[in-house]
Amino acid sequence: MQVVYDKLGITKHQTLAFNPRGNDIVQRLNKTLIDSLSHLVSVKQEHWCEYLPLALMAHRNAFHTALKESPIFLVFGRDPVMPYHFIYSDKFRSYSDEPSYAQEWICKL
C-alpha cells in the first residue's frame, strides 16, 4: 500500500484512539454537521437522525474555497441532479442528444 501512497503523494498519519484532538479533519466535519443540524432540529433535539441526510447533502454540495469545487463534484466528476432540477426542468425528456453524446465518447476512445 505504501507504493500507492508514494505514487499519489499521500502521507499516512496514525491517530490515537479515543483522542478527538488527534484527528482534526474528522472533528471539523463533526462541528460542521452539528452546526447544520442545530438549524434543522427543534430545541428538544429530537429526531436529529431524520435530518442527518439533509445536512450531509448540504455539506457535500457546498462550494469549498480550499478545494475550489464541491466535494461531490470531486468524487463523481459532475454536479448531482438535485430535487429542484426536477421541479424546474421540462416535463418530457428529449432523447435527441443521445446519439451525439455516444458519438462524443466514441471519438474520445
PDB file of N, CA and C in Angstrom:
ATOM      1  N   MET A   1       0.822  -1.187   0.000  1.00  0.00           N
ATOM      2  CA  MET A   1       0.000   0.000   0.000  1.00  0.00           C
ATOM      3  C   MET A   1       0.871   1.258   0.000  1.00  0.00           C
ATOM      4  N   GLN A   2       2.035   1.154   0.574  1.00  0.00           N
ATOM      5  CA  GLN A   2       2.938   2.307   0.628  1.00  0.00           C
ATOM      6  C   GLN A   2       3.324   2.781  -0.768  1.00  0.00           C
ATOM      7  N   VAL A   3       3.422   1.858  -1.715  1.00  0.00           N
ATOM      8  CA  VAL A   3       3.757   2.223  -3.095  1.00  0.00           C
ATOM      9  C   VAL A   3       2.665   3.119  -3.684  1.00  0.00           C
ATOM     10  N   VAL A   4       1.409   2.776  -3.409  1.00  0.00           N
ATOM     11  CA  VAL A   4       0.281   3.592  -3.887  1.00  0.00           C
ATOM     12  C   VAL A   4       0.333   4.972  -3.245  1.00  0.00           C
ATOM     13  N   TYR A   5       0.588   5.022  -1.944  1.00  0.00           N
ATOM     14  CA  TYR A   5       0.694   6.317  -1.256  1.00  0.00           C
ATOM     15  C   TYR A   5       1.787   7.176  -1.882  1.00  0.00           C
ATOM     16  N   ASP A   6       2.921   6.560  -2.172  1.00  0.00           N
ATOM     17  CA  ASP A   6       4.040   7.303  -2.756  1.00  0.00           C
ATOM     18  C   ASP A   6       3.699   7.835  -4.145  1.00  0.00           C
ATOM     19  N   LYS A   7       3.044   7.015  -4.964  1.00  0.00           N
ATOM     20  CA  LYS A   7       2.682   7.445  -6.322  1.00  0.00           C
ATOM     21  C   LYS A   7       1.690   8.601  -6.299  1.00  0.00           C
ATOM     22  N   LEU A   8       0.764   8.586  -5.334  1.00  0.00           N
ATOM     23  CA  LEU A   8      -0.264   9.624  -5.253  1.00  0.00           C
ATOM     24  C   LEU A   8       0.151  10.805  -4.383  1.00  0.00           C
ATOM     25  N   GLY A   9       1.301  10.720  -3.754  1.00  0.00           N
ATOM     26  CA  GLY A   9       1.762  11.811  -2.903  1.00  0.00           C
ATOM     27  C   GLY A   9       0.988  11.918  -1.601  1.00  0.00           C
ATOM     28  N   ILE A  10       0.561  10.773  -1.077  1.00  0.00           N
ATOM     29  CA  ILE A  10      -0.233  10.739   0.149  1.00  0.00           C
ATOM     30  C   ILE A  10       0.676  10.440   1.328  1.00  0.00           C
ATOM     31  N   THR A  11       0.499  11.192   2.398  1.00  0.00           N
ATOM     32  CA  THR A  11       1.214  10.929   3.638  1.00  0.00           C
ATOM     33  C   THR A  11       0.224  10.339   4.630  1.00  0.00           C
ATOM     34  N   LYS A  12       0.479   9.126   5.069  1.00  0.00           N
ATOM     35  CA  LYS A  12      -0.416   8.452   6.003  1.00  0.00           C
ATOM     36  C   LYS A  12      -0.084   8.890   7.421  1.00  0.00           C
ATOM     37  N   HIS A  13      -1.124   9.230   8.180  1.00  0.00           N
ATOM     38  CA  HIS A  13      -0.950   9.642   9.567  1.00  0.00           C
ATOM     39  C   HIS A  13      -1.724   8.691  10.469  1.00  0.00           C
ATOM     40  N   GLN A  14      -1.104   8.267  11.530  1.00  0.00           N
ATOM     41  CA  GLN A  14      -1.767   7.456  12.536  1.00  0.00           C
ATOM     42  C   GLN A  14      -2.335   8.382  13.604  1.00  0.00           C
ATOM     43  N   THR A  15      -3.557   8.101  14.048  1.00  0.00           N
ATOM     44  CA  THR A  15      -4.153   8.904  15.114  1.00  0.00           C
ATOM     45  C   THR A  15      -4.356   8.030  16.340  1.00  0.00           C
ATOM     46  N   LEU A  16      -4.402   8.661  17.472  1.00  0.00           N
ATOM     47  CA  LEU A  16      -4.600   7.942  18.719  1.00  0.00           C
ATOM     48  C   LEU A  16      -6.074   7.629  18.913  1.00  0.00           C
ATOM     49  N   ALA A  17      -6.355   6.445  19.404  1.00  0.00           N
ATOM     50  CA  ALA A  17      -7.734   6.065  19.683  1.00  0.00           C
ATOM     51  C   ALA A  17      -8.256   6.856  20.878  1.00  0.00           C
ATOM     52  N   PHE A  18      -9.509   7.216  20.825  1.00  0.00           N
ATOM     53  CA  PHE A  18     -10.200   7.931  21.905  1.00  0.00           C
ATOM     54  C   PHE A  18      -9.562   9.274  22.222  1.00  0.00           C
ATOM     55  N   ASN A  19      -8.940   9.886  21.237  1.00  0.00           N
ATOM     56  CA  ASN A  19      -8.366  11.214  21.420  1.00  0.00           C
ATOM     57  C   ASN A  19      -8.891  12.102  20.290  1.00  0.00           C
ATOM     58  N   PRO A  20      -9.953  12.887  20.550  1.00  0.00           N
ATOM     59  CA  PRO A  20     -10.551  13.677  19.482  1.00  0.00           C
ATOM     60  C   PRO A  20      -9.612  14.715  18.888  1.00  0.00           C
ATOM     61  N   ARG A  21      -8.621  15.157  19.631  1.00  0.00           N
ATOM     62  CA  ARG A  21      -7.681  16.148  19.098  1.00  0.00           C
ATOM     63  C   ARG A  21      -6.723  15.536  18.088  1.00  0.00           C
ATOM     64  N   GLY A  22      -6.683  14.212  18.034  1.00  0.00           N
ATOM     65  CA  GLY A  22      -5.754  13.540  17.142  1.00  0.00           C
ATOM     66  C   GLY A  22      -6.166  13.550  15.682  1.00  0.00           C
ATOM     67  N   ASN A  23      -7.430  13.838  15.404  1.00  0.00           N
ATOM     68  CA  ASN A  23      -7.890  13.823  14.021  1.00  0.00           C
ATOM     69  C   ASN A  23      -8.692  15.093  13.757  1.00  0.00           C
ATOM     70  N   ASP A  24      -8.003  16.146  13.377  1.00  0.00           N
ATOM     71  CA  ASP A  24      -8.626  17.457  13.194  1.00  0.00           C
ATOM     72  C   ASP A  24      -9.647  17.477  12.072  1.00  0.00           C
ATOM     73  N   ILE A  25      -9.404  16.732  11.003  1.00  0.00           N
ATOM     74  CA  ILE A  25     -10.312  16.753   9.851  1.00  0.00           C
ATOM     75  C   ILE A  25     -11.675  16.192  10.234  1.00  0.00           C
ATOM     76  N   VAL A  26     -11.677  15.076  10.949  1.00  0.00           N
ATOM     77  CA  VAL A  26     -12.940  14.474  11.373  1.00  0.00           C
ATOM     78  C   VAL A  26     -13.660  15.390  12.348  1.00  0.00           C
ATOM     79  N   GLN A  27     -12.923  16.002  13.263  1.00  0.00           N
ATOM     80  CA  GLN A  27     -13.545  16.901  14.226  1.00  0.00           C
ATOM     81  C   GLN A  27     -14.125  18.134  13.542  1.00  0.00           C
ATOM     82  N   ARG A  28     -13.490  18.613  12.494  1.00  0.00           N
ATOM     83  CA  ARG A  28     -14.017  19.756  11.743  1.00  0.00           C
ATOM     84  C   ARG A  28     -15.323  19.385  11.051  1.00  0.00           C
ATOM     85  N   LEU A  29     -15.377  18.185  10.473  1.00  0.00           N
ATOM     86  CA  LEU A  29     -16.614  17.719   9.846  1.00  0.00           C
ATOM     87  C   LEU A  29     -17.710  17.549  10.892  1.00  0.00           C
ATOM     88  N   ASN A  30     -17.370  16.994  12.046  1.00  0.00           N
ATOM     89  CA  ASN A  30     -18.357  16.852  13.118  1.00  0.00           C
ATOM     90  C   ASN A  30     -18.920  18.203  13.529  1.00  0.00           C
ATOM     91  N   LYS A  31     -18.073  19.210  13.658  1.00  0.00           N
ATOM     92  CA  LYS A  31     -18.536  20.549  14.029  1.00  0.00           C
ATOM     93  C   LYS A  31     -19.460  21.120  12.958  1.00  0.00           C
ATOM     94  N   THR A  32     -19.098  20.932  11.691  1.00  0.00           N
ATOM     95  CA  THR A  32     -19.926  21.422  10.596  1.00  0.00           C
ATOM     96  C   THR A  32     -21.293  20.752  10.606  1.00  0.00           C
ATOM     97  N   LEU A  33     -21.329  19.438  10.815  1.00  0.00           N
ATOM     98  CA  LEU A  33     -22.603  18.724  10.847  1.00  0.00           C
ATOM     99  C   LEU A  33     -23.445  19.126  12.047  1.00  0.00           C
ATOM    100  N   ILE A  34     -22.815  19.318  13.189  1.00  0.00           N
ATOM    101  CA  ILE A  34     -23.556  19.744  14.377  1.00  0.00           C
ATOM    102  C   ILE A  34     -24.143  21.129  14.165  1.00  0.00           C
ATOM    103  N   ASP A  35     -23.379  22.031  13.562  1.00  0.00           N
ATOM    104  CA  ASP A  35     -23.898  23.370  13.266  1.00  0.00           C
ATOM    105  C   ASP A  35     -25.071  23.303  12.296  1.00  0.00           C
ATOM    106  N   SER A  36     -24.959  22.474  11.267  1.00  0.00           N
ATOM    107  CA  SER A  36     -26.051  22.333  10.299  1.00  0.00           C
ATOM    108  C   SER A  36     -27.288  21.742  10.956  1.00  0.00           C
ATOM    109  N   LEU A  37     -27.090  20.710  11.757  1.00  0.00           N
ATOM    110  CA  LEU A  37     -28.226  20.076  12.422  1.00  0.00           C
ATOM    111  C   LEU A  37     -28.891  21.004  13.426  1.00  0.00           C
ATOM    112  N   SER A  38     -28.125  21.893  14.042  1.00  0.00           N
ATOM    113  CA  SER A  38     -28.715  22.811  15.022  1.00  0.00           C
ATOM    114  C   SER A  38     -29.722  23.753  14.377  1.00  0.00           C
ATOM    115  N   HIS A  39     -29.581  24.009  13.073  1.00  0.00           N
ATOM    116  CA  HIS A  39     -30.541  24.862  12.370  1.00  0.00           C
ATOM    117  C   HIS A  39     -31.758  24.084  11.888  1.00  0.00           C
ATOM    118  N   LEU A  40     -31.650  22.777  11.825  1.00  0.00           N
ATOM    119  CA  LEU A  40     -32.735  21.961  11.289  1.00  0.00           C
ATOM    120  C   LEU A  40     -33.582  21.299  12.365  1.00  0.00           C
ATOM    121  N   VAL A  41     -32.992  21.010  13.501  1.00  0.00           N
ATOM    122  CA  VAL A  41     -33.658  20.237  14.549  1.00  0.00           C
ATOM    123  C   VAL A  41     -34.309  21.183  15.545  1.00  0.00           C
ATOM    124  N   SER A  42     -35.387  20.707  16.174  1.00  0.00           N
ATOM    125  CA  SER A  42     -36.086  21.523  17.165  1.00  0.00           C
ATOM    126  C   SER A  42     -35.228  21.709  18.412  1.00  0.00           C
ATOM    127  N   VAL A  43     -35.705  22.525  19.317  1.00  0.00           N
ATOM    128  CA  VAL A  43     -34.957  22.844  20.535  1.00  0.00           C
ATOM    129  C   VAL A  43     -34.720  21.586  21.376  1.00  0.00           C
ATOM    130  N   LYS A  44     -35.666  20.663  21.373  1.00  0.00           N
ATOM    131  CA  LYS A  44     -35.533  19.438  22.159  1.00  0.00           C
ATOM    132  C   LYS A  44     -34.525  18.458  21.547  1.00  0.00           C
ATOM    133  N   GLN A  45     -34.071  18.732  20.356  1.00  0.00           N
ATOM    134  CA  GLN A  45     -33.094  17.903  19.644  1.00  0.00           C
ATOM    135  C   GLN A  45     -33.579  16.472  19.436  1.00  0.00           C
ATOM    136  N   GLU A  46     -34.865  16.349  19.189  1.00  0.00           N
ATOM    137  CA  GLU A  46     -35.417  15.034  18.883  1.00  0.00           C
ATOM    138  C   GLU A  46     -35.382  14.807  17.378  1.00  0.00           C
ATOM    139  N   HIS A  47     -35.265  13.581  16.985  1.00  0.00           N
ATOM    140  CA  HIS A  47     -35.322  13.170  15.578  1.00  0.00           C
ATOM    141  C   HIS A  47     -34.222  13.796  14.735  1.00  0.00           C
ATOM    142  N   TRP A  48     -33.064  14.020  15.321  1.00  0.00           N
ATOM    143  CA  TRP A  48     -31.962  14.604  14.552  1.00  0.00           C
ATOM    144  C   TRP A  48     -31.493  13.670  13.450  1.00  0.00           C
ATOM    145  N   CYS A  49     -31.662  12.361  13.670  1.00  0.00           N
ATOM    146  CA  CYS A  49     -31.198  11.403  12.661  1.00  0.00           C
ATOM    147  C   CYS A  49     -32.002  11.500  11.365  1.00  0.00           C
ATOM    148  N   GLU A  50     -33.228  12.032  11.434  1.00  0.00           N
ATOM    149  CA  GLU A  50     -34.025  12.220  10.222  1.00  0.00           C
ATOM    150  C   GLU A  50     -33.464  13.350   9.364  1.00  0.00           C
ATOM    151  N   TYR A  51     -32.776  14.298   9.982  1.00  0.00           N
ATOM    152  CA  TYR A  51     -32.241  15.449   9.262  1.00  0.00           C
ATOM    153  C   TYR A  51     -30.773  15.282   8.862  1.00  0.00           C
ATOM    154  N   LEU A  52     -30.147  14.217   9.328  1.00  0.00           N
ATOM    155  CA  LEU A  52     -28.735  13.997   9.011  1.00  0.00           C
ATOM    156  C   LEU A  52     -28.467  13.869   7.507  1.00  0.00           C
ATOM    157  N   PRO A  53     -29.283  13.118   6.745  1.00  0.00           N
ATOM    158  CA  PRO A  53     -29.034  13.069   5.295  1.00  0.00           C
ATOM    159  C   PRO A  53     -29.120  14.444   4.623  1.00  0.00           C
ATOM    160  N   LEU A  54     -30.024  15.293   5.079  1.00  0.00           N
ATOM    161  CA  LEU A  54     -30.146  16.639   4.523  1.00  0.00           C
ATOM    162  C   LEU A  54     -28.910  17.477   4.842  1.00  0.00           C
ATOM    163  N   ALA A  55     -28.414  17.368   6.066  1.00  0.00           N
ATOM    164  CA  ALA A  55     -27.205  18.106   6.447  1.00  0.00           C
ATOM    165  C   ALA A  55     -25.990  17.605   5.665  1.00  0.00           C
ATOM    166  N   LEU A  56     -25.896  16.298   5.465  1.00  0.00           N
ATOM    167  CA  LEU A  56     -24.793  15.739   4.677  1.00  0.00           C
ATOM    168  C   LEU A  56     -24.880  16.167   3.215  1.00  0.00           C
ATOM    169  N   MET A  57     -26.108  16.206   2.676  1.00  0.00           N
ATOM    170  CA  MET A  57     -26.275  16.653   1.294  1.00  0.00           C
ATOM    171  C   MET A  57     -25.836  18.107   1.144  1.00  0.00           C
ATOM    172  N   ALA A  58     -26.196  18.939   2.107  1.00  0.00           N
ATOM    173  CA  ALA A  58     -25.793  20.346   2.052  1.00  0.00           C
ATOM    174  C   ALA A  58     -24.276  20.479   2.126  1.00  0.00           C
ATOM    175  N   HIS A  59     -23.652  19.696   2.977  1.00  0.00           N
ATOM    176  CA  HIS A  59     -22.190  19.763   3.101  1.00  0.00           C
ATOM    177  C   HIS A  59     -21.496  19.282   1.828  1.00  0.00           C
ATOM    178  N   ARG A  60     -21.985  18.183   1.279  1.00  0.00           N
ATOM    179  CA  ARG A  60     -21.347  17.612   0.089  1.00  0.00           C
ATOM    180  C   ARG A  60     -21.520  18.485  -1.146  1.00  0.00           C
ATOM    181  N   ASN A  61     -22.589  19.284  -1.195  1.00  0.00           N
ATOM    182  CA  ASN A  61     -22.847  20.125  -2.362  1.00  0.00           C
ATOM    183  C   ASN A  61     -22.345  21.546  -2.194  1.00  0.00           C
ATOM    184  N   ALA A  62     -21.846  21.882  -1.028  1.00  0.00           N
ATOM    185  CA  ALA A  62     -21.365  23.245  -0.781  1.00  0.00           C
ATOM    186  C   ALA A  62     -20.016  23.465  -1.459  1.00  0.00           C
ATOM    187  N   PHE A  63     -19.827  24.655  -1.979  1.00  0.00           N
ATOM    188  CA  PHE A  63     -18.557  25.018  -2.607  1.00  0.00           C
ATOM    189  C   PHE A  63     -17.521  25.242  -1.516  1.00  0.00           C
ATOM    190  N   HIS A  64     -16.392  24.573  -1.621  1.00  0.00           N
ATOM    191  CA  HIS A  64     -15.319  24.721  -0.651  1.00  0.00           C
ATOM    192  C   HIS A  64     -14.213  25.559  -1.273  1.00  0.00           C
ATOM    193  N   THR A  65     -13.860  26.632  -0.600  1.00  0.00           N
ATOM    194  CA  THR A  65     -12.858  27.539  -1.159  1.00  0.00           C
ATOM    195  C   THR A  65     -11.485  26.883  -1.257  1.00  0.00           C
ATOM    196  N   ALA A  66     -11.157  26.010  -0.323  1.00  0.00           N
ATOM    197  CA  ALA A  66      -9.852  25.344  -0.374  1.00  0.00           C
ATOM    198  C   ALA A  66      -9.779  24.363  -1.546  1.00  0.00           C
ATOM    199  N   LEU A  67     -10.893  23.709  -1.846  1.00  0.00           N
ATOM    200  CA  LEU A  67     -10.927  22.730  -2.931  1.00  0.00           C
ATOM    201  C   LEU A  67     -11.244  23.361  -4.280  1.00  0.00           C
ATOM    202  N   LYS A  68     -11.827  24.540  -4.260  1.00  0.00           N
ATOM    203  CA  LYS A  68     -12.289  25.239  -5.472  1.00  0.00           C
ATOM    204  C   LYS A  68     -13.394  24.466  -6.192  1.00  0.00           C
ATOM    205  N   GLU A  69     -14.052  23.574  -5.501  1.00  0.00           N
ATOM    206  CA  GLU A  69     -15.166  22.784  -6.031  1.00  0.00           C
ATOM    207  C   GLU A  69     -15.962  22.235  -4.860  1.00  0.00           C
ATOM    208  N   SER A  70     -17.070  21.580  -5.164  1.00  0.00           N
ATOM    209  CA  SER A  70     -17.818  20.878  -4.129  1.00  0.00           C
ATOM    210  C   SER A  70     -17.253  19.466  -3.999  1.00  0.00           C
ATOM    211  N   PRO A  71     -17.313  18.875  -2.810  1.00  0.00           N
ATOM    212  CA  PRO A  71     -16.779  17.522  -2.641  1.00  0.00           C
ATOM    213  C   PRO A  71     -17.452  16.495  -3.549  1.00  0.00           C
ATOM    214  N   ILE A  72     -18.749  16.645  -3.767  1.00  0.00           N
ATOM    215  CA  ILE A  72     -19.447  15.662  -4.599  1.00  0.00           C
ATOM    216  C   ILE A  72     -18.982  15.737  -6.051  1.00  0.00           C
ATOM    217  N   PHE A  73     -18.630  16.930  -6.524  1.00  0.00           N
ATOM    218  CA  PHE A  73     -18.103  17.064  -7.882  1.00  0.00           C
ATOM    219  C   PHE A  73     -16.731  16.409  -7.985  1.00  0.00           C
ATOM    220  N   LEU A  74     -15.921  16.554  -6.953  1.00  0.00           N
ATOM    221  CA  LEU A  74     -14.586  15.963  -6.979  1.00  0.00           C
ATOM    222  C   LEU A  74     -14.626  14.440  -6.932  1.00  0.00           C
ATOM    223  N   VAL A  75     -15.644  13.880  -6.282  1.00  0.00           N
ATOM    224  CA  VAL A  75     -15.753  12.424  -6.199  1.00  0.00           C
ATOM    225  C   VAL A  75     -16.326  11.840  -7.487  1.00  0.00           C
ATOM    226  N   PHE A  76     -17.417  12.443  -8.002  1.00  0.00           N
ATOM    227  CA  PHE A  76     -18.127  11.861  -9.139  1.00  0.00           C
ATOM    228  C   PHE A  76     -17.828  12.530 -10.476  1.00  0.00           C
ATOM    229  N   GLY A  77     -17.167  13.676 -10.463  1.00  0.00           N
ATOM    230  CA  GLY A  77     -16.811  14.336 -11.708  1.00  0.00           C
ATOM    231  C   GLY A  77     -17.935  15.076 -12.393  1.00  0.00           C
ATOM    232  N   ARG A  78     -19.051  15.250 -11.714  1.00  0.00           N
ATOM    233  CA  ARG A  78     -20.175  16.009 -12.258  1.00  0.00           C
ATOM    234  C   ARG A  78     -21.018  16.519 -11.100  1.00  0.00           C
ATOM    235  N   ASP A  79     -21.813  17.527 -11.388  1.00  0.00           N
ATOM    236  CA  ASP A  79     -22.712  18.035 -10.360  1.00  0.00           C
ATOM    237  C   ASP A  79     -23.893  17.084 -10.217  1.00  0.00           C
ATOM    238  N   PRO A  80     -24.418  16.923  -9.005  1.00  0.00           N
ATOM    239  CA  PRO A  80     -25.530  15.996  -8.810  1.00  0.00           C
ATOM    240  C   PRO A  80     -26.839  16.569  -9.356  1.00  0.00           C
ATOM    241  N   VAL A  81     -27.776  15.688  -9.631  1.00  0.00           N
ATOM    242  CA  VAL A  81     -29.124  16.107 -10.006  1.00  0.00           C
ATOM    243  C   VAL A  81     -29.898  16.278  -8.707  1.00  0.00           C
ATOM    244  N   MET A  82     -30.249  17.514  -8.424  1.00  0.00           N
ATOM    245  CA  MET A  82     -30.930  17.834  -7.173  1.00  0.00           C
ATOM    246  C   MET A  82     -32.444  17.816  -7.384  1.00  0.00           C
ATOM    247  N   PRO A  83     -33.224  17.700  -6.301  1.00  0.00           N
ATOM    248  CA  PRO A  83     -34.686  17.671  -6.450  1.00  0.00           C
ATOM    249  C   PRO A  83     -35.254  18.881  -7.189  1.00  0.00           C
ATOM    250  N   TYR A  84     -34.669  20.058  -7.006  1.00  0.00           N
ATOM    251  CA  TYR A  84     -35.210  21.229  -7.694  1.00  0.00           C
ATOM    252  C   TYR A  84     -34.986  21.173  -9.201  1.00  0.00           C
ATOM    253  N   HIS A  85     -34.059  20.343  -9.669  1.00  0.00           N
ATOM    254  CA  HIS A  85     -33.896  20.167 -11.112  1.00  0.00           C
ATOM    255  C   HIS A  85     -35.140  19.530 -11.726  1.00  0.00           C
ATOM    256  N   PHE A  86     -35.783  18.637 -10.984  1.00  0.00           N
ATOM    257  CA  PHE A  86     -36.997  18.006 -11.487  1.00  0.00           C
ATOM    258  C   PHE A  86     -38.166  18.983 -11.501  1.00  0.00           C
ATOM    259  N   ILE A  87     -38.190  19.900 -10.566  1.00  0.00           N
ATOM    260  CA  ILE A  87     -39.285  20.866 -10.491  1.00  0.00           C
ATOM    261  C   ILE A  87     -39.210  21.854 -11.645  1.00  0.00           C
ATOM    262  N   TYR A  88     -38.017  22.333 -11.940  1.00  0.00           N
ATOM    263  CA  TYR A  88     -37.861  23.385 -12.938  1.00  0.00           C
ATOM    264  C   TYR A  88     -37.420  22.883 -14.310  1.00  0.00           C
ATOM    265  N   SER A  89     -37.379  21.580 -14.514  1.00  0.00           N
ATOM    266  CA  SER A  89     -36.969  21.060 -15.823  1.00  0.00           C
ATOM    267  C   SER A  89     -38.200  20.780 -16.679  1.00  0.00           C
ATOM    268  N   ASP A  90     -37.969  20.457 -17.936  1.00  0.00           N
ATOM    269  CA  ASP A  90     -39.065  20.107 -18.836  1.00  0.00           C
ATOM    270  C   ASP A  90     -39.726  18.824 -18.362  1.00  0.00           C
ATOM    271  N   LYS A  91     -41.025  18.745 -18.577  1.00  0.00           N
ATOM    272  CA  LYS A  91     -41.768  17.560 -18.148  1.00  0.00           C
ATOM    273  C   LYS A  91     -41.445  16.345 -19.017  1.00  0.00           C
ATOM    274  N   PHE A  92     -41.162  16.586 -20.279  1.00  0.00           N
ATOM    275  CA  PHE A  92     -40.906  15.485 -21.195  1.00  0.00           C
ATOM    276  C   PHE A  92     -39.426  15.453 -21.546  1.00  0.00           C
ATOM    277  N   ARG A  93     -38.886  14.273 -21.529  1.00  0.00           N
ATOM    278  CA  ARG A  93     -37.475  14.119 -21.877  1.00  0.00           C
ATOM    279  C   ARG A  93     -37.315  14.042 -23.383  1.00  0.00           C
ATOM    280  N   SER A  94     -36.260  14.614 -23.826  1.00  0.00           N
ATOM    281  CA  SER A  94     -35.917  14.538 -25.241  1.00  0.00           C
ATOM    282  C   SER A  94     -34.639  13.723 -25.368  1.00  0.00           C
ATOM    283  N   TYR A  95     -34.678  12.732 -26.231  1.00  0.00           N
ATOM    284  CA  TYR A  95     -33.519  11.871 -26.418  1.00  0.00           C
ATOM    285  C   TYR A  95     -32.772  12.194 -27.707  1.00  0.00           C
ATOM    286  N   SER A  96     -32.998  13.369 -28.230  1.00  0.00           N
ATOM    287  CA  SER A  96     -32.349  13.736 -29.488  1.00  0.00           C
ATOM    288  C   SER A  96     -30.839  13.897 -29.323  1.00  0.00           C
ATOM    289  N   ASP A  97     -30.375  14.178 -28.116  1.00  0.00           N
ATOM    290  CA  ASP A  97     -28.949  14.376 -27.892  1.00  0.00           C
ATOM    291  C   ASP A  97     -28.193  13.070 -27.645  1.00  0.00           C
ATOM    292  N   GLU A  98     -28.890  11.977 -27.478  1.00  0.00           N
ATOM    293  CA  GLU A  98     -28.234  10.717 -27.132  1.00  0.00           C
ATOM    294  C   GLU A  98     -27.222  10.254 -28.177  1.00  0.00           C
ATOM    295  N   PRO A  99     -27.550  10.229 -29.471  1.00  0.00           N
ATOM    296  CA  PRO A  99     -26.537   9.775 -30.438  1.00  0.00           C
ATOM    297  C   PRO A  99     -25.295  10.662 -30.450  1.00  0.00           C
ATOM    298  N   SER A 100     -25.477  11.961 -30.322  1.00  0.00           N
ATOM    299  CA  SER A 100     -24.314  12.839 -30.332  1.00  0.00           C
ATOM    300  C   SER A 100     -23.458  12.626 -29.087  1.00  0.00           C
ATOM    301  N   TYR A 101     -24.088  12.342 -27.964  1.00  0.00           N
ATOM    302  CA  TYR A 101     -23.352  12.056 -26.736  1.00  0.00           C
ATOM    303  C   TYR A 101     -22.539  10.773 -26.899  1.00  0.00           C
ATOM    304  N   ALA A 102     -23.174   9.751 -27.474  1.00  0.00           N
ATOM    305  CA  ALA A 102     -22.472   8.488 -27.698  1.00  0.00           C
ATOM    306  C   ALA A 102     -21.319   8.685 -28.683  1.00  0.00           C
ATOM    307  N   GLN A 103     -21.560   9.449 -29.738  1.00  0.00           N
ATOM    308  CA  GLN A 103     -20.510   9.712 -30.713  1.00  0.00           C
ATOM    309  C   GLN A 103     -19.336  10.454 -30.079  1.00  0.00           C
ATOM    310  N   GLU A 104     -19.645  11.366 -29.186  1.00  0.00           N
ATOM    311  CA  GLU A 104     -18.590  12.119 -28.496  1.00  0.00           C
ATOM    312  C   GLU A 104     -17.681  11.179 -27.715  1.00  0.00           C
ATOM    313  N   TRP A 105     -18.277  10.209 -27.024  1.00  0.00           N
ATOM    314  CA  TRP A 105     -17.479   9.266 -26.249  1.00  0.00           C
ATOM    315  C   TRP A 105     -16.701   8.310 -27.146  1.00  0.00           C
ATOM    316  N   ILE A 106     -17.285   7.929 -28.262  1.00  0.00           N
ATOM    317  CA  ILE A 106     -16.573   7.051 -29.195  1.00  0.00           C
ATOM    318  C   ILE A 106     -15.346   7.759 -29.746  1.00  0.00           C
ATOM    319  N   CYS A 107     -15.496   9.045 -30.050  1.00  0.00           N
ATOM    320  CA  CYS A 107     -14.357   9.816 -30.558  1.00  0.00           C
ATOM    321  C   CYS A 107     -13.262   9.957 -29.504  1.00  0.00           C
ATOM    322  N   LYS A 108     -13.662  10.054 -28.245  1.00  0.00           N
ATOM    323  CA  LYS A 108     -12.672  10.187 -27.176  1.00  0.00           C
ATOM    324  C   LYS A 108     -11.895   8.899 -26.950  1.00  0.00           C
ATOM    325  N   LEU A 109     -12.538   7.769 -27.246  1.00  0.00           N
ATOM    326  CA  LEU A 109     -11.857   6.482 -27.061  1.00  0.00           C
ATOM    327  C   LEU A 109     -10.831   6.291 -28.143  1.00  0.00           C
TER     328      LEU A 109
END
